[in-house]
């Protein structure tokens, strides 16, 4: 998404080079790319959740368990 946005912002600096068609196409590309990466993130989170369910163990450790003194 950053690549497309940088291309659009570069074209905005040139007077008269921005058209409604160009802006609409750029917006469509950014939305498609956002949907793509959102889908990738959703699949990743779903797989992580599924793996935790199968293993029954979380990989995260609570920092407080390291901070409590042992007497």
Protein backbone atom coordinates (compact mmCIF):
# COMPACT_ATOMS: atom_id res chain seq x y z
CA UNK A 1 0.00 0.00 0.00
CA UNK A 2 2.86 2.37 0.69
CA UNK A 3 4.19 1.99 -2.84
CA UNK A 4 0.88 2.99 -4.37
CA UNK A 5 0.46 5.86 -1.93
CA UNK A 6 3.94 7.20 -2.68
CA UNK A 7 3.15 7.08 -6.40
CA UNK A 8 -0.09 9.00 -5.85
CA UNK A 9 1.54 11.58 -3.59
CA UNK A 10 4.33 12.11 -6.12
CA UNK A 11 1.77 12.75 -8.85
CA UNK A 12 -0.04 15.26 -6.62
CA UNK A 13 3.05 17.49 -6.56
CA UNK A 14 2.90 18.07 -10.31
CA UNK A 15 0.26 20.65 -11.24
CA UNK A 16 -2.42 19.42 -13.61
CA UNK A 17 -1.28 15.78 -13.50
CA UNK A 18 -4.01 14.55 -11.14
CA UNK A 19 -7.19 13.38 -12.77
CA UNK A 20 -10.29 11.87 -11.28
CA UNK A 21 -9.61 8.67 -13.20
CA UNK A 22 -6.03 8.46 -11.88
CA UNK A 23 -7.16 9.06 -8.30
CA UNK A 24 -9.96 6.47 -8.56
CA UNK A 25 -7.60 3.85 -9.95
CA UNK A 26 -5.09 4.51 -7.19
CA UNK A 27 -7.81 4.24 -4.55
CA UNK A 28 -8.98 0.91 -6.04
CA UNK A 29 -5.43 -0.44 -5.98
CA UNK A 30 -4.93 0.63 -2.36
CA UNK A 31 -8.21 -1.00 -1.30
CA UNK A 32 -7.34 -4.24 -3.08
CA UNK A 33 -3.91 -4.29 -1.49
CA UNK A 34 -5.40 -3.59 1.95
CA UNK A 35 -7.88 -6.43 1.50
CA UNK A 36 -5.06 -8.74 0.41
CA UNK A 37 -2.87 -8.00 3.44
CA UNK A 38 -5.90 -8.12 5.75
CA UNK A 39 -6.70 -11.60 4.45
CA UNK A 40 -3.11 -12.70 4.97
CA UNK A 41 -3.18 -11.38 8.56
CA UNK A 42 -6.50 -13.11 9.23
CA UNK A 43 -5.20 -16.45 7.98
CA UNK A 44 -2.07 -16.09 10.11
CA UNK A 45 -4.01 -15.26 13.28
CA UNK A 46 -6.45 -18.08 12.61
CA UNK A 47 -3.64 -20.58 12.18
CA UNK A 48 -1.92 -19.37 15.36
CA UNK A 49 -5.18 -19.74 17.27
CA UNK A 50 -5.73 -23.21 15.81
CA UNK A 51 -2.22 -24.34 16.71
CA UNK A 52 -2.70 -23.10 20.28
CA UNK A 53 -5.94 -25.07 20.48
CA UNK A 54 -4.35 -28.27 19.22
CA UNK A 55 -1.24 -27.98 21.37
CA UNK A 56 -3.11 -26.67 24.40
CA UNK A 57 -0.11 -24.45 25.16
CA UNK A 58 0.50 -20.78 24.58
CA UNK A 59 3.93 -19.56 23.61
CA UNK A 60 3.56 -16.28 25.49
CA UNK A 61 4.97 -16.05 29.01
CA UNK A 62 3.64 -13.68 31.62
CA UNK A 63 6.42 -11.28 32.66
CA UNK A 64 5.04 -11.16 36.22
CA UNK A 65 6.04 -14.79 36.75
CA UNK A 66 9.68 -13.71 36.35
CA UNK A 67 9.29 -10.68 38.60
CA UNK A 68 7.93 -12.40 41.73
CA UNK A 69 10.57 -13.23 44.30
CA UNK A 70 11.00 -16.84 45.33
CA UNK A 71 11.09 -17.21 49.12
